[in-house]
Protein backbone atom coordinates (compact mmCIF):
# COMPACT_ATOMS: atom_id res chain seq x y z
CA MET A 1 87.57 68.53 106.88
CA LYS A 2 85.10 70.85 105.38
CA LYS A 3 83.34 71.63 108.85
CA HIS A 4 86.62 73.48 109.54
CA PHE A 5 86.43 75.74 106.38
CA LYS A 6 86.08 79.42 107.34
CA ALA A 7 82.90 80.78 105.69
CA HIS A 8 84.48 84.06 104.32
CA ILE A 9 87.29 82.21 102.82
CA ASN A 10 85.19 79.63 101.37
CA ASN A 11 83.12 82.35 99.61
CA LEU A 12 86.06 84.03 98.26
CA VAL A 13 86.44 83.79 94.51
CA ARG A 14 89.79 83.52 93.16
CA TYR A 15 90.89 83.55 89.55
CA GLN A 16 94.30 82.27 88.09
CA THR A 17 95.34 84.54 85.32
CA SER A 18 97.68 83.98 82.31
CA LEU A 19 97.12 80.28 82.17
CA GLY A 20 97.90 78.46 79.09
CA ARG A 21 100.48 80.93 77.71
CA ASP A 22 102.93 79.58 75.01
CA LEU A 23 106.10 80.99 76.67
CA ASP A 24 108.32 79.55 74.02
CA ASN A 25 106.68 81.27 71.16
CA GLY A 26 104.12 83.75 72.36
CA LEU A 27 104.52 87.49 73.36
CA ARG A 28 103.75 87.93 77.15
CA LEU A 29 102.28 91.30 77.34
CA ASP A 30 99.81 90.67 80.03
CA ARG A 31 101.69 90.68 83.31
CA ASN A 32 104.10 93.53 83.29
CA GLU A 33 106.95 91.17 83.04
CA LYS A 34 110.23 91.58 81.16
CA ILE A 35 108.87 90.90 77.82
CA SER A 36 112.19 89.94 76.35
CA ASN A 37 114.34 87.04 77.29
CA PHE A 38 117.74 87.11 78.99
CA PRO A 39 120.61 86.29 76.63
CA PRO A 40 121.69 82.56 76.70
CA GLU A 41 125.17 83.59 77.91
CA VAL A 42 123.71 85.47 80.95
CA ILE A 43 121.62 82.44 81.89
CA ALA A 44 124.65 80.17 81.58
CA ASP A 45 126.76 82.52 83.71
CA ILE A 46 124.02 82.71 86.38
CA PHE A 47 123.98 78.93 86.78
CA ASN A 48 127.57 78.61 86.57
CA LYS A 49 127.68 80.56 89.98
CA PHE A 50 125.87 77.70 91.78
CA LYS A 51 127.85 75.57 93.91
CA PRO A 52 127.68 71.64 94.32
CA TYR A 53 125.78 72.15 97.59
CA SER A 54 123.34 74.82 96.28
CA LEU A 55 120.48 72.22 96.03
CA SER A 56 121.02 70.14 99.01
CA ALA A 57 122.05 72.72 101.68
CA SER A 58 119.33 74.88 103.45
CA PRO A 59 119.28 78.50 102.21
CA GLU A 60 121.86 81.00 103.60
CA THR A 61 120.53 84.60 103.40
CA ASP A 62 123.52 86.60 104.50
CA ALA A 63 124.90 87.24 101.12
CA LEU A 64 121.73 88.57 99.65
CA TYR A 65 121.06 90.82 102.82
CA GLN A 66 124.69 92.23 102.64
CA LYS A 67 124.32 92.97 98.93
CA LEU A 68 120.93 94.67 99.51
CA SER A 69 122.43 96.70 102.33
CA GLY A 70 125.22 97.90 100.21
CA ASN A 71 123.16 98.49 97.13
CA LEU A 72 120.68 100.58 99.05
CA SER A 73 122.90 102.24 101.54
CA ILE A 74 120.38 100.85 104.22
CA PRO A 75 121.45 99.03 107.43
CA ARG A 76 120.71 95.35 107.17
CA GLU A 77 118.44 95.46 110.27
CA LYS A 78 115.99 97.73 108.28
CA ILE A 79 115.45 95.10 105.51
CA TYR A 80 113.35 92.01 105.45
CA ILE A 81 113.47 89.73 102.38
CA THR A 82 110.09 88.31 101.30
CA GLY A 83 108.58 86.15 98.63
CA GLY A 84 107.94 89.12 96.39
CA ILE A 85 105.77 92.17 97.28
CA THR A 86 102.84 89.71 97.47
CA GLU A 87 104.21 88.08 100.57
CA GLY A 88 104.95 91.47 101.97
CA ILE A 89 101.34 92.50 101.60
CA ARG A 90 100.21 89.31 103.31
CA ILE A 91 102.74 89.77 106.21
CA LEU A 92 101.34 93.39 106.76
CA PHE A 93 97.68 92.24 106.88
CA GLU A 94 98.58 89.28 109.16
CA LEU A 95 100.45 91.31 111.80
CA LEU A 96 98.97 94.74 111.60
CA THR A 97 95.25 94.31 111.13
CA ASN A 98 92.34 92.91 112.96
CA PRO A 99 88.74 91.90 111.70
CA GLY A 100 86.60 94.90 111.45
CA GLU A 101 89.33 97.36 110.89
CA ASN A 102 90.04 99.10 107.59
CA VAL A 103 92.75 99.91 105.05
CA VAL A 104 92.76 102.61 102.48
CA VAL A 105 94.29 101.60 99.07
CA LEU A 106 95.08 103.43 95.84
CA ASP A 107 92.61 101.62 93.42
CA PRO A 108 92.51 100.19 90.80
CA THR A 109 95.80 98.52 91.57
CA TYR A 110 97.45 95.26 92.01
CA PRO A 111 94.60 92.92 93.06
CA MET A 112 96.25 91.09 95.96
CA TYR A 113 95.60 94.24 98.20
CA SER A 114 91.78 93.72 98.03
CA ILE A 115 92.14 89.92 98.24
CA TYR A 116 94.16 89.89 101.51
CA ALA A 117 91.58 92.52 102.87
CA LYS A 118 89.00 89.95 102.34
CA ILE A 119 90.95 87.05 103.71
CA TYR A 120 91.78 88.83 106.93
CA GLN A 121 88.22 90.48 107.12
CA VAL A 122 89.44 93.97 106.82
CA GLU A 123 87.18 96.71 105.11
CA TYR A 124 88.95 97.78 101.85
CA ARG A 125 88.53 101.53 101.24
CA LYS A 126 89.43 102.95 97.87
CA PHE A 127 91.59 105.95 97.34
CA CYS A 128 90.11 106.68 94.00
CA PHE A 129 90.80 108.33 90.54
CA LYS A 130 88.86 111.23 89.07
CA GLU A 131 87.35 111.10 85.63
CA ASP A 132 90.48 112.77 84.27
CA LEU A 133 92.60 109.89 85.94
CA SER A 134 94.06 112.10 88.52
CA PRO A 135 93.96 110.85 92.35
CA ASP A 136 91.10 111.95 94.26
CA TRP A 137 92.65 113.22 97.33
CA SER A 138 89.31 113.69 99.06
CA SER A 139 88.70 110.02 98.96
CA LEU A 140 91.96 109.30 100.77
CA TYR A 141 91.52 111.69 103.61
CA GLN A 142 87.89 110.93 104.06
CA GLY A 143 88.79 107.28 104.05
CA ILE A 144 91.02 107.52 107.25
CA ASP A 145 89.28 107.07 110.58
CA ASP A 146 90.01 105.45 114.01
CA LYS A 147 89.60 102.00 112.64
CA THR A 148 92.15 102.55 109.80
CA THR A 149 95.42 100.47 110.33
CA MET A 150 97.16 101.05 106.92
CA VAL A 151 97.16 103.41 103.95
CA MET A 152 98.79 101.41 101.03
CA ILE A 153 99.94 103.26 97.89
CA PRO A 154 101.80 101.80 94.84
CA ASN A 155 104.08 104.48 93.69
CA PRO A 156 104.18 104.33 90.64
CA ASN A 157 100.75 102.59 90.35
CA LEU A 158 99.17 100.39 87.51
CA PRO A 159 96.91 99.60 85.69
CA VAL A 160 96.12 103.38 86.00
CA GLU A 161 99.58 104.93 85.92
CA CYS A 162 100.01 107.35 88.72
CA MET A 163 103.01 108.87 90.45
CA PHE A 164 103.38 110.80 93.58
CA SER A 165 106.20 113.13 94.57
CA THR A 166 108.27 112.75 97.80
CA GLU A 167 106.50 115.80 99.23
CA ASP A 168 103.18 114.20 98.46
CA ILE A 169 104.15 111.05 100.34
CA ARG A 170 105.54 113.26 103.17
CA ARG A 171 102.10 114.93 103.52
CA ILE A 172 100.30 111.49 103.53
CA ALA A 173 102.78 110.16 106.01
CA GLU A 174 102.07 113.17 108.39
CA LYS A 175 98.36 112.63 108.10
CA CYS A 176 98.85 108.90 108.77
CA ARG A 177 100.93 109.64 111.88
CA GLU A 178 98.25 111.69 113.32
CA HIS A 179 95.91 108.86 113.20
CA GLN A 180 98.49 106.23 114.06
CA VAL A 181 98.24 104.57 110.67
CA VAL A 182 100.89 102.76 108.89
CA LEU A 183 101.83 104.09 105.46
CA VAL A 184 102.89 101.36 103.02
CA ILE A 185 104.56 102.65 99.74
CA ASP A 186 104.90 99.84 97.16
CA GLU A 187 107.80 100.81 94.87
CA ALA A 188 107.55 97.83 92.51
CA TYR A 189 107.86 100.12 89.44
CA TYR A 190 110.22 102.80 91.06
CA TYR A 191 113.15 102.33 88.70
CA PHE A 192 111.12 103.25 85.67
CA GLY A 193 111.05 106.81 86.67
CA ALA A 194 109.37 107.50 89.96
CA PRO A 195 111.05 109.04 93.09
CA SER A 196 111.74 106.86 96.05
CA VAL A 197 110.84 107.64 99.65
CA LEU A 198 113.47 105.32 101.22
CA GLU A 199 114.97 108.34 102.83
CA LEU A 200 111.82 109.01 104.76
CA ILE A 201 112.06 105.78 106.75
CA ASN A 202 114.41 107.51 109.11
CA GLU A 203 111.89 110.35 109.65
CA TYR A 204 108.69 108.35 109.84
CA ASP A 205 108.46 105.38 112.04
CA ASN A 206 105.09 104.49 110.39
CA LEU A 207 106.39 104.05 107.04
CA VAL A 208 107.06 100.73 105.26
CA VAL A 209 108.64 100.63 101.64
CA MET A 210 108.19 97.62 99.53
CA ARG A 211 110.58 96.59 96.52
CA THR A 212 110.68 93.57 94.17
CA PHE A 213 113.00 91.98 91.82
CA SER A 214 110.07 91.26 89.44
CA LYS A 215 109.89 94.46 87.22
CA ALA A 216 112.99 96.51 86.57
CA TYR A 217 115.25 93.64 87.28
CA GLY A 218 113.10 91.39 84.91
CA LEU A 219 113.01 88.54 87.56
CA ALA A 220 109.19 87.78 87.86
CA GLY A 221 110.14 84.07 87.81
CA ILE A 222 112.03 84.08 91.12
CA ARG A 223 109.19 85.61 93.35
CA LEU A 224 111.55 87.75 95.52
CA GLY A 225 111.09 91.01 97.10
CA PHE A 226 111.80 93.03 100.42
CA MET A 227 110.47 95.43 102.85
CA ILE A 228 112.39 98.45 104.40
CA SER A 229 111.33 100.08 107.63
CA SER A 230 112.76 101.01 110.89
CA ALA A 231 114.73 98.47 112.68
CA GLU A 232 112.13 98.19 115.47
CA ASN A 233 109.29 97.52 112.64
CA ILE A 234 111.49 95.00 110.71
CA GLN A 235 112.19 93.10 113.91
CA TYR A 236 108.47 92.76 114.56
CA LEU A 237 107.52 91.98 110.98
CA SER A 238 110.20 89.38 110.47
CA LYS A 239 108.77 87.29 113.29
CA THR A 240 106.87 85.66 110.30
CA ARG A 241 110.08 84.34 109.01
CA SER A 242 109.96 80.64 108.01
CA LEU A 243 113.16 78.41 108.04
CA ALA A 244 114.48 81.02 105.60
CA GLU A 245 113.09 84.04 103.75
CA SER A 246 113.45 82.52 100.42
CA ASN A 247 115.06 79.64 98.47
CA THR A 248 118.82 79.36 97.39
CA LEU A 249 117.96 79.36 93.68
CA SER A 250 115.94 82.74 93.82
CA MET A 251 118.40 84.49 96.26
CA ARG A 252 121.42 83.55 94.10
CA VAL A 253 119.73 84.85 90.90
CA ALA A 254 118.92 88.12 92.73
CA GLU A 255 122.58 88.49 93.90
CA TYR A 256 123.76 88.01 90.41
CA LEU A 257 121.46 90.91 89.13
CA LEU A 258 122.60 93.20 91.96
CA ASP A 259 126.31 92.45 90.76
CA HIS A 260 125.32 93.20 87.07
CA VAL A 261 122.94 96.31 87.39
CA GLU A 262 123.83 96.98 83.71
CA LEU A 263 121.24 94.25 82.86
CA ARG A 264 118.72 96.11 84.86
CA ASP A 265 119.57 99.29 83.14
CA GLU A 266 119.44 97.79 79.76
CA HIS A 267 115.94 96.67 80.52
CA ILE A 268 114.79 99.99 81.62
CA LYS A 269 116.16 101.49 78.48
CA GLU A 270 114.09 99.02 76.38
CA VAL A 271 111.08 99.84 78.27
CA LYS A 272 111.53 103.62 77.68
CA GLU A 273 112.19 103.15 73.98
CA GLY A 274 109.22 100.69 73.62
CA GLY A 275 106.93 103.17 75.60
CA GLN A 276 107.75 106.01 73.45
CA TYR A 277 107.22 103.92 70.19
CA ILE A 278 103.82 102.52 71.34
CA GLN A 279 102.61 105.94 72.50
CA GLU A 280 103.31 107.40 69.07
CA GLU A 281 101.76 104.60 67.17
CA LEU A 282 98.57 104.61 69.30
CA THR A 283 98.25 108.33 68.52
CA LYS A 284 98.63 107.80 64.87
CA LEU A 285 96.01 105.07 65.05
CA GLY A 286 93.61 107.63 66.82
CA LEU A 287 93.20 105.41 69.98
CA ARG A 288 93.26 107.00 73.48
CA TRP A 289 95.91 105.75 75.82
CA PHE A 290 97.23 106.38 79.27
CA GLY A 291 100.48 105.60 80.83
CA GLY A 292 103.67 104.29 79.67
CA ASN A 293 105.79 107.03 81.16
CA VAL A 294 107.03 105.72 84.66
CA THR A 295 105.94 102.09 84.53
CA ASN A 296 106.17 99.19 82.01
CA GLY A 297 102.52 99.16 81.28
CA ILE A 298 99.92 101.27 79.21
CA LEU A 299 96.09 101.44 79.06
CA ILE A 300 94.45 101.48 75.73
CA PHE A 301 90.81 102.68 75.47
CA LEU A 302 88.40 100.93 73.05
CA GLU A 303 84.78 101.81 72.42
CA ASN A 304 83.26 99.19 74.71
CA GLU A 305 83.88 96.11 76.91
CA LYS A 306 83.00 93.74 73.95
CA GLU A 307 85.87 95.10 72.00
CA THR A 308 88.33 94.56 74.68
CA LYS A 309 87.30 90.89 74.85
CA ASP A 310 87.38 90.71 71.10
CA LEU A 311 90.78 92.10 70.85
CA ALA A 312 92.18 89.89 73.60
CA LEU A 313 90.93 86.82 71.93
CA TYR A 314 92.08 87.89 68.54
CA LEU A 315 95.59 88.34 69.93
CA LYS A 316 95.51 85.29 72.00
CA GLU A 317 94.85 83.25 68.89
CA LYS A 318 98.12 84.71 67.56
CA LYS A 319 99.92 84.00 70.88
CA ILE A 320 100.03 87.61 71.81
CA TYR A 321 98.88 87.87 75.43
CA ILE A 322 97.35 91.21 76.88
CA ARG A 323 95.30 92.06 79.91
CA GLY A 324 91.65 93.01 80.02
CA SER A 325 88.69 92.20 82.23
CA PHE A 326 89.05 95.38 84.51
CA ASP A 327 86.14 96.49 86.56
CA PRO A 328 84.10 99.60 85.46
CA PRO A 329 84.87 102.33 84.40
CA PHE A 330 88.10 100.68 83.15
CA ASN A 331 86.24 97.62 81.46
CA VAL A 332 86.61 99.61 78.16
CA CYS A 333 90.47 99.22 78.45
CA VAL A 334 93.16 96.64 77.78
CA ARG A 335 96.66 96.76 79.36
CA VAL A 336 99.68 96.06 77.37
CA SER A 337 103.18 95.45 79.01
CA ILE A 338 106.07 97.45 77.41
CA GLY A 339 109.41 96.42 76.50
CA GLU A 340 111.67 96.01 73.51
CA LYS A 341 110.76 98.06 70.57
CA GLU A 342 110.78 95.10 68.10
CA ILE A 343 108.27 93.28 70.22
CA MET A 344 106.19 96.43 70.53
CA LYS A 345 106.12 96.59 66.63
CA LEU A 346 104.79 93.00 66.46
CA PHE A 347 101.93 94.03 68.88
CA ILE A 348 101.17 97.23 66.86
CA GLU A 349 100.92 95.34 63.58
CA SER A 350 98.52 92.87 64.88
CA LEU A 351 96.49 95.68 66.55
CA LYS A 352 96.32 97.32 63.14
CA ASN A 353 95.18 94.25 61.62
CA TRP A 354 92.34 93.88 64.15
CA LEU A 355 91.33 97.41 63.56
CA THR A 356 91.14 96.87 59.85
CA GLN A 357 88.92 93.71 60.29
CA LYS A 358 86.78 95.46 62.82
CA ASN A 359 86.07 98.41 60.55
CA LYS A 360 85.08 96.32 57.52
């Protein structure tokens, strides 16, 4: 079998993150998930909605498409359900790029963008940040050329929190249209405070918007998202469809949350309150921080890379999981997921203890 391995895939190094977490007793602050649990009565209500045939019958997608269409006021033919934004990214690379072409991506960001670029042998060009952590617009426009197939921008972005206005996206869309480039806007964190550009899909036939149930809805475990674009684009992209876009369990849970948006809104409120609290506490501790305004994550700057590793290890021993190991110049940062204030208090208390030990 090995003789059939593709060299560029064989040489690709992949890491599995967040392994070995104690999900029963630990604090999951490393994956920008909903850090508090759904109430037991909500879990019970969700599973009470399942039918005797839910496990044995093949998935039916109609109900979820109809709910999404109504929730978004978007015609069904402009929506394509995917296995999270991650699958959406893969589909776009698979169907819109060829080896030797390039994509321009806001970076640093969700690592699957660069991973799929390597898998599909596409040059990955960075739309960078300046030293003050504002976007370097020149790196975007200089990166676009005749071999550019896509510009991909999470809005808002993490780990470096960044938000673009609708007019910003409109200008980028115009530039992309001039070069016949597809503009992909990843709205994973949209509900935490950024503007949406869904309205622009009727104006720009080169625009694709991606959404997920993982963040504001708090459903990272169901791995479900969707793409929105023109009907013609969706018809083409959905040719990748398998037997069904997703599984019955994931789709029924998503339908439940669409019927109970108060659960989403309660989670967003928790994130806002937790974000304000952690920003205030970090400032009191004299630590530099960035973000926590329009996403559910915040960067904390330490003195050097060793400190980020020491803090992550110290907290892991206490079953508090955070994210480090970023590429320079962000290798001096850790990222912490934001949520319920009471959980943020537990993190801050452990951070204070670590700082006290470090300064002895």
